[in-house]
Amino acid sequence: VKGRFTISRDNAEDTVNLQMNALKP
């Protein structure tokens, strides 16, 4: 998933997101 997925944190909202691009089956 390197180069396609990005993990990030929003401290204000206490959330952790996973942005997934170029998805594959």
PDB file of all heavy atoms in Angstrom:
ATOM      1  N   VAL A   1       0.810  -1.216   0.000  1.00  0.00           N
ATOM      2  CA  VAL A   1       0.000   0.000   0.000  1.00  0.00           C
ATOM      3  C   VAL A   1       0.842   1.264   0.000  1.00  0.00           C
ATOM      4  O   VAL A   1       0.300   2.368  -0.080  1.00  0.00           O
ATOM      5  CB  VAL A   1      -0.980   0.038   1.203  1.00  0.00           C
ATOM      6  CG1 VAL A   1      -1.799  -1.246   1.281  1.00  0.00           C
ATOM      7  CG2 VAL A   1      -0.265   0.305   2.506  1.00  0.00           C
ATOM      8  N   LYS A   2       2.156   1.117   0.081  1.00  0.00           N
ATOM      9  CA  LYS A   2       3.028   2.290   0.077  1.00  0.00           C
ATOM     10  C   LYS A   2       2.827   3.097  -1.198  1.00  0.00           C
ATOM     11  O   LYS A   2       2.781   2.544  -2.295  1.00  0.00           O
ATOM     12  CB  LYS A   2       4.496   1.862   0.200  1.00  0.00           C
ATOM     13  CG  LYS A   2       4.896   1.449   1.589  1.00  0.00           C
ATOM     14  CD  LYS A   2       6.363   1.032   1.632  1.00  0.00           C
ATOM     15  CE  LYS A   2       6.760   0.564   3.032  1.00  0.00           C
ATOM     16  NZ  LYS A   2       8.159   0.079   3.065  1.00  0.00           N
ATOM     17  N   GLY A   3       2.724   4.409  -1.022  1.00  0.00           N
ATOM     18  CA  GLY A   3       2.505   5.279  -2.161  1.00  0.00           C
ATOM     19  C   GLY A   3       1.047   5.423  -2.554  1.00  0.00           C
ATOM     20  O   GLY A   3       0.704   6.292  -3.354  1.00  0.00           O
ATOM     21  N   ARG A   4       0.180   4.567  -2.015  1.00  0.00           N
ATOM     22  CA  ARG A   4      -1.252   4.638  -2.330  1.00  0.00           C
ATOM     23  C   ARG A   4      -2.090   5.026  -1.110  1.00  0.00           C
ATOM     24  O   ARG A   4      -3.094   5.718  -1.240  1.00  0.00           O
ATOM     25  CB  ARG A   4      -1.744   3.286  -2.852  1.00  0.00           C
ATOM     26  CG  ARG A   4      -1.047   2.810  -4.099  1.00  0.00           C
ATOM     27  CD  ARG A   4      -1.753   1.585  -4.687  1.00  0.00           C
ATOM     28  NE  ARG A   4      -1.736   0.435  -3.792  1.00  0.00           N
ATOM     29  CZ  ARG A   4      -2.823  -0.186  -3.352  1.00  0.00           C
ATOM     30  NH1 ARG A   4      -4.022   0.227  -3.709  1.00  0.00           N
ATOM     31  NH2 ARG A   4      -2.715  -1.246  -2.552  1.00  0.00           N
ATOM     32  N   PHE A   5      -1.697   4.573   0.067  1.00  0.00           N
ATOM     33  CA  PHE A   5      -2.447   4.832   1.292  1.00  0.00           C
ATOM     34  C   PHE A   5      -1.679   5.831   2.158  1.00  0.00           C
ATOM     35  O   PHE A   5      -0.453   5.816   2.195  1.00  0.00           O
ATOM     36  CB  PHE A   5      -2.645   3.550   2.102  1.00  0.00           C
ATOM     37  CG  PHE A   5      -3.592   2.551   1.500  1.00  0.00           C
ATOM     38  CD1 PHE A   5      -4.049   2.660   0.184  1.00  0.00           C
ATOM     39  CD2 PHE A   5      -4.031   1.474   2.255  1.00  0.00           C
ATOM     40  CE1 PHE A   5      -4.917   1.745  -0.355  1.00  0.00           C
ATOM     41  CE2 PHE A   5      -4.894   0.539   1.730  1.00  0.00           C
ATOM     42  CZ  PHE A   5      -5.332   0.667   0.421  1.00  0.00           C
ATOM     43  N   THR A   6      -2.421   6.655   2.885  1.00  0.00           N
ATOM     44  CA  THR A   6      -1.819   7.610   3.812  1.00  0.00           C
ATOM     45  C   THR A   6      -2.591   7.585   5.123  1.00  0.00           C
ATOM     46  O   THR A   6      -3.812   7.770   5.137  1.00  0.00           O
ATOM     47  CB  THR A   6      -1.842   9.037   3.245  1.00  0.00           C
ATOM     48  OG1 THR A   6      -1.162   9.069   1.989  1.00  0.00           O
ATOM     49  CG2 THR A   6      -1.156  10.000   4.201  1.00  0.00           C
ATOM     50  N   ILE A   7      -1.870   7.369   6.214  1.00  0.00           N
ATOM     51  CA  ILE A   7      -2.483   7.410   7.541  1.00  0.00           C
ATOM     52  C   ILE A   7      -2.185   8.762   8.169  1.00  0.00           C
ATOM     53  O   ILE A   7      -1.077   9.287   8.032  1.00  0.00           O
ATOM     54  CB  ILE A   7      -1.970   6.261   8.442  1.00  0.00           C
ATOM     55  CG1 ILE A   7      -2.750   6.210   9.744  1.00  0.00           C
ATOM     56  CG2 ILE A   7      -0.468   6.350   8.671  1.00  0.00           C
ATOM     57  CD1 ILE A   7      -2.444   4.959  10.592  1.00  0.00           C
ATOM     58  N   SER A   8      -3.188   9.334   8.824  1.00  0.00           N
ATOM     59  CA  SER A   8      -2.994  10.644   9.432  1.00  0.00           C
ATOM     60  C   SER A   8      -3.867  10.752  10.676  1.00  0.00           C
ATOM     61  O   SER A   8      -4.824   9.995  10.860  1.00  0.00           O
ATOM     62  CB  SER A   8      -3.345  11.759   8.444  1.00  0.00           C
ATOM     63  OG  SER A   8      -4.702  11.683   8.060  1.00  0.00           O
ATOM     64  N   ARG A   9      -3.512  11.731  11.496  1.00  0.00           N
ATOM     65  CA  ARG A   9      -4.257  11.923  12.744  1.00  0.00           C
ATOM     66  C   ARG A   9      -4.796  13.339  12.816  1.00  0.00           C
ATOM     67  O   ARG A   9      -4.114  14.289  12.443  1.00  0.00           O
ATOM     68  CB  ARG A   9      -3.331  11.670  13.937  1.00  0.00           C
ATOM     69  CG  ARG A   9      -4.016  11.685  15.292  1.00  0.00           C
ATOM     70  CD  ARG A   9      -3.029  11.943  16.432  1.00  0.00           C
ATOM     71  NE  ARG A   9      -1.772  11.257  16.294  1.00  0.00           N
ATOM     72  CZ  ARG A   9      -1.451  10.134  16.906  1.00  0.00           C
ATOM     73  NH1 ARG A   9      -2.330   9.529  17.686  1.00  0.00           N
ATOM     74  NH2 ARG A   9      -0.265   9.591  16.755  1.00  0.00           N
ATOM     75  N   ASP A  10      -5.995  13.472  13.298  1.00  0.00           N
ATOM     76  CA  ASP A  10      -6.577  14.778  13.595  1.00  0.00           C
ATOM     77  C   ASP A  10      -6.743  14.840  15.110  1.00  0.00           C
ATOM     78  O   ASP A  10      -7.691  14.295  15.663  1.00  0.00           O
ATOM     79  CB  ASP A  10      -7.927  14.941  12.892  1.00  0.00           C
ATOM     80  CG  ASP A  10      -8.535  16.315  13.120  1.00  0.00           C
ATOM     81  OD1 ASP A  10      -8.197  16.976  14.115  1.00  0.00           O
ATOM     82  OD2 ASP A  10      -9.362  16.726  12.288  1.00  0.00           O
ATOM     83  N   ASN A  11      -5.794  15.493  15.781  1.00  0.00           N
ATOM     84  CA  ASN A  11      -5.809  15.502  17.243  1.00  0.00           C
ATOM     85  C   ASN A  11      -7.026  16.229  17.809  1.00  0.00           C
ATOM     86  O   ASN A  11      -7.567  15.849  18.841  1.00  0.00           O
ATOM     87  CB  ASN A  11      -4.534  16.141  17.781  1.00  0.00           C
ATOM     88  CG  ASN A  11      -3.330  15.248  17.588  1.00  0.00           C
ATOM     89  OD1 ASN A  11      -3.430  14.024  17.703  1.00  0.00           O
ATOM     90  ND2 ASN A  11      -2.186  15.830  17.283  1.00  0.00           N
ATOM     91  N   ALA A  12      -7.443  17.257  17.108  1.00  0.00           N
ATOM     92  CA  ALA A  12      -8.580  18.033  17.592  1.00  0.00           C
ATOM     93  C   ALA A  12      -9.846  17.184  17.627  1.00  0.00           C
ATOM     94  O   ALA A  12     -10.702  17.362  18.486  1.00  0.00           O
ATOM     95  CB  ALA A  12      -8.778  19.261  16.719  1.00  0.00           C
ATOM     96  N   GLU A  13      -9.949  16.271  16.669  1.00  0.00           N
ATOM     97  CA  GLU A  13     -11.151  15.440  16.581  1.00  0.00           C
ATOM     98  C   GLU A  13     -10.937  14.051  17.153  1.00  0.00           C
ATOM     99  O   GLU A  13     -11.856  13.239  17.178  1.00  0.00           O
ATOM    100  CB  GLU A  13     -11.577  15.321  15.111  1.00  0.00           C
ATOM    101  CG  GLU A  13     -11.926  16.656  14.465  1.00  0.00           C
ATOM    102  CD  GLU A  13     -13.190  17.258  15.030  1.00  0.00           C
ATOM    103  OE1 GLU A  13     -14.074  16.492  15.492  1.00  0.00           O
ATOM    104  OE2 GLU A  13     -13.302  18.490  15.035  1.00  0.00           O
ATOM    105  N   ASP A  14      -9.705  13.746  17.602  1.00  0.00           N
ATOM    106  CA  ASP A  14      -9.396  12.406  18.099  1.00  0.00           C
ATOM    107  C   ASP A  14      -9.750  11.348  17.073  1.00  0.00           C
ATOM    108  O   ASP A  14     -10.395  10.337  17.396  1.00  0.00           O
ATOM    109  CB  ASP A  14     -10.124  12.113  19.417  1.00  0.00           C
ATOM    110  CG  ASP A  14      -9.218  12.298  20.621  1.00  0.00           C
ATOM    111  OD1 ASP A  14      -7.982  12.276  20.445  1.00  0.00           O
ATOM    112  OD2 ASP A  14      -9.740  12.451  21.733  1.00  0.00           O
ATOM    113  N   THR A  15      -9.361  11.605  15.833  1.00  0.00           N
ATOM    114  CA  THR A  15      -9.609  10.630  14.773  1.00  0.00           C
ATOM    115  C   THR A  15      -8.305  10.282  14.062  1.00  0.00           C
ATOM    116  O   THR A  15      -7.371  11.077  14.018  1.00  0.00           O
ATOM    117  CB  THR A  15     -10.612  11.150  13.730  1.00  0.00           C
ATOM    118  OG1 THR A  15     -10.081  12.345  13.144  1.00  0.00           O
ATOM    119  CG2 THR A  15     -11.959  11.444  14.342  1.00  0.00           C
ATOM    120  N   VAL A  16      -8.284   9.085  13.537  1.00  0.00           N
ATOM    121  CA  VAL A  16      -7.184   8.633  12.695  1.00  0.00           C
ATOM    122  C   VAL A  16      -7.799   8.234  11.364  1.00  0.00           C
ATOM    123  O   VAL A  16      -8.743   7.440  11.326  1.00  0.00           O
ATOM    124  CB  VAL A  16      -6.435   7.443  13.318  1.00  0.00           C
ATOM    125  CG1 VAL A  16      -5.378   6.927  12.357  1.00  0.00           C
ATOM    126  CG2 VAL A  16      -5.796   7.863  14.630  1.00  0.00           C
ATOM    127  N   ASN A  17      -7.265   8.790  10.288  1.00  0.00           N
ATOM    128  CA  ASN A  17      -7.821   8.538   8.966  1.00  0.00           C
ATOM    129  C   ASN A  17      -6.881   7.692   8.124  1.00  0.00           C
ATOM    130  O   ASN A  17      -5.660   7.709   8.316  1.00  0.00           O
ATOM    131  CB  ASN A  17      -8.067   9.869   8.251  1.00  0.00           C
ATOM    132  CG  ASN A  17      -9.049  10.741   9.002  1.00  0.00           C
ATOM    133  OD1 ASN A  17     -10.080  10.262   9.464  1.00  0.00           O
ATOM    134  ND2 ASN A  17      -8.724  12.015   9.139  1.00  0.00           N
ATOM    135  N   LEU A  18      -7.463   6.981   7.197  1.00  0.00           N
ATOM    136  CA  LEU A  18      -6.693   6.223   6.223  1.00  0.00           C
ATOM    137  C   LEU A  18      -7.200   6.616   4.840  1.00  0.00           C
ATOM    138  O   LEU A  18      -8.298   6.223   4.440  1.00  0.00           O
ATOM    139  CB  LEU A  18      -6.846   4.716   6.441  1.00  0.00           C
ATOM    140  CG  LEU A  18      -5.965   3.851   5.533  1.00  0.00           C
ATOM    141  CD1 LEU A  18      -4.494   4.029   5.897  1.00  0.00           C
ATOM    142  CD2 LEU A  18      -6.359   2.374   5.657  1.00  0.00           C
ATOM    143  N   GLN A  19      -6.415   7.422   4.151  1.00  0.00           N
ATOM    144  CA  GLN A  19      -6.746   7.823   2.787  1.00  0.00           C
ATOM    145  C   GLN A  19      -6.225   6.748   1.850  1.00  0.00           C
ATOM    146  O   GLN A  19      -5.028   6.454   1.851  1.00  0.00           O
ATOM    147  CB  GLN A  19      -6.109   9.174   2.454  1.00  0.00           C
ATOM    148  CG  GLN A  19      -6.263   9.599   1.011  1.00  0.00           C
ATOM    149  CD  GLN A  19      -7.700   9.926   0.641  1.00  0.00           C
ATOM    150  OE1 GLN A  19      -8.406  10.566   1.405  1.00  0.00           O
ATOM    151  NE2 GLN A  19      -8.132   9.470  -0.538  1.00  0.00           N
ATOM    152  N   MET A  20      -7.125   6.181   1.061  1.00  0.00           N
ATOM    153  CA  MET A  20      -6.752   5.083   0.166  1.00  0.00           C
ATOM    154  C   MET A  20      -6.984   5.512  -1.279  1.00  0.00           C
ATOM    155  O   MET A  20      -8.127   5.801  -1.660  1.00  0.00           O
ATOM    156  CB  MET A  20      -7.576   3.838   0.498  1.00  0.00           C
ATOM    157  CG  MET A  20      -7.462   3.404   1.950  1.00  0.00           C
ATOM    158  SD  MET A  20      -8.284   1.836   2.294  1.00  0.00           S
ATOM    159  CE  MET A  20      -9.971   2.282   1.996  1.00  0.00           C
ATOM    160  N   ASN A  21      -5.917   5.590  -2.045  1.00  0.00           N
ATOM    161  CA  ASN A  21      -5.997   5.970  -3.454  1.00  0.00           C
ATOM    162  C   ASN A  21      -5.577   4.800  -4.336  1.00  0.00           C
ATOM    163  O   ASN A  21      -4.982   3.833  -3.861  1.00  0.00           O
ATOM    164  CB  ASN A  21      -5.087   7.169  -3.732  1.00  0.00           C
ATOM    165  CG  ASN A  21      -5.486   8.399  -2.947  1.00  0.00           C
ATOM    166  OD1 ASN A  21      -6.661   8.657  -2.710  1.00  0.00           O
ATOM    167  ND2 ASN A  21      -4.489   9.163  -2.529  1.00  0.00           N
ATOM    168  N   ALA A  22      -5.893   4.919  -5.603  1.00  0.00           N
ATOM    169  CA  ALA A  22      -5.508   3.884  -6.578  1.00  0.00           C
ATOM    170  C   ALA A  22      -5.883   2.500  -6.070  1.00  0.00           C
ATOM    171  O   ALA A  22      -5.053   1.574  -6.083  1.00  0.00           O
ATOM    172  CB  ALA A  22      -4.015   3.976  -6.888  1.00  0.00           C
ATOM    173  N   LEU A  23      -7.100   2.360  -5.622  1.00  0.00           N
ATOM    174  CA  LEU A  23      -7.542   1.107  -5.031  1.00  0.00           C
ATOM    175  C   LEU A  23      -7.479  -0.044  -6.023  1.00  0.00           C
ATOM    176  O   LEU A  23      -7.711   0.136  -7.236  1.00  0.00           O
ATOM    177  CB  LEU A  23      -8.969   1.262  -4.491  1.00  0.00           C
ATOM    178  CG  LEU A  23      -9.088   2.047  -3.184  1.00  0.00           C
ATOM    179  CD1 LEU A  23     -10.525   2.493  -2.942  1.00  0.00           C
ATOM    180  CD2 LEU A  23      -8.583   1.209  -2.023  1.00  0.00           C
ATOM    181  N   LYS A  24      -7.192  -1.217  -5.492  1.00  0.00           N
ATOM    182  CA  LYS A  24      -7.093  -2.436  -6.287  1.00  0.00           C
ATOM    183  C   LYS A  24      -8.070  -3.468  -5.731  1.00  0.00           C
ATOM    184  O   LYS A  24      -8.392  -3.429  -4.539  1.00  0.00           O
ATOM    185  CB  LYS A  24      -5.667  -3.000  -6.221  1.00  0.00           C
ATOM    186  CG  LYS A  24      -4.593  -2.037  -6.682  1.00  0.00           C
ATOM    187  CD  LYS A  24      -3.209  -2.654  -6.508  1.00  0.00           C
ATOM    188  CE  LYS A  24      -2.117  -1.694  -6.962  1.00  0.00           C
ATOM    189  NZ  LYS A  24      -0.767  -2.288  -6.798  1.00  0.00           N
ATOM    190  N   PRO A  25      -8.516  -4.406  -6.566  1.00  0.00           N
ATOM    191  CA  PRO A  25      -9.423  -5.449  -6.056  1.00  0.00           C
ATOM    192  C   PRO A  25      -8.845  -6.190  -4.852  1.00  0.00           C
ATOM    193  O   PRO A  25      -9.599  -6.595  -3.954  1.00  0.00           O
ATOM    194  CB  PRO A  25      -9.591  -6.371  -7.265  1.00  0.00           C
ATOM    195  CG  PRO A  25      -9.409  -5.473  -8.442  1.00  0.00           C
ATOM    196  CD  PRO A  25      -8.348  -4.486  -8.026  1.00  0.00           C
TER     197      PRO A  25
END
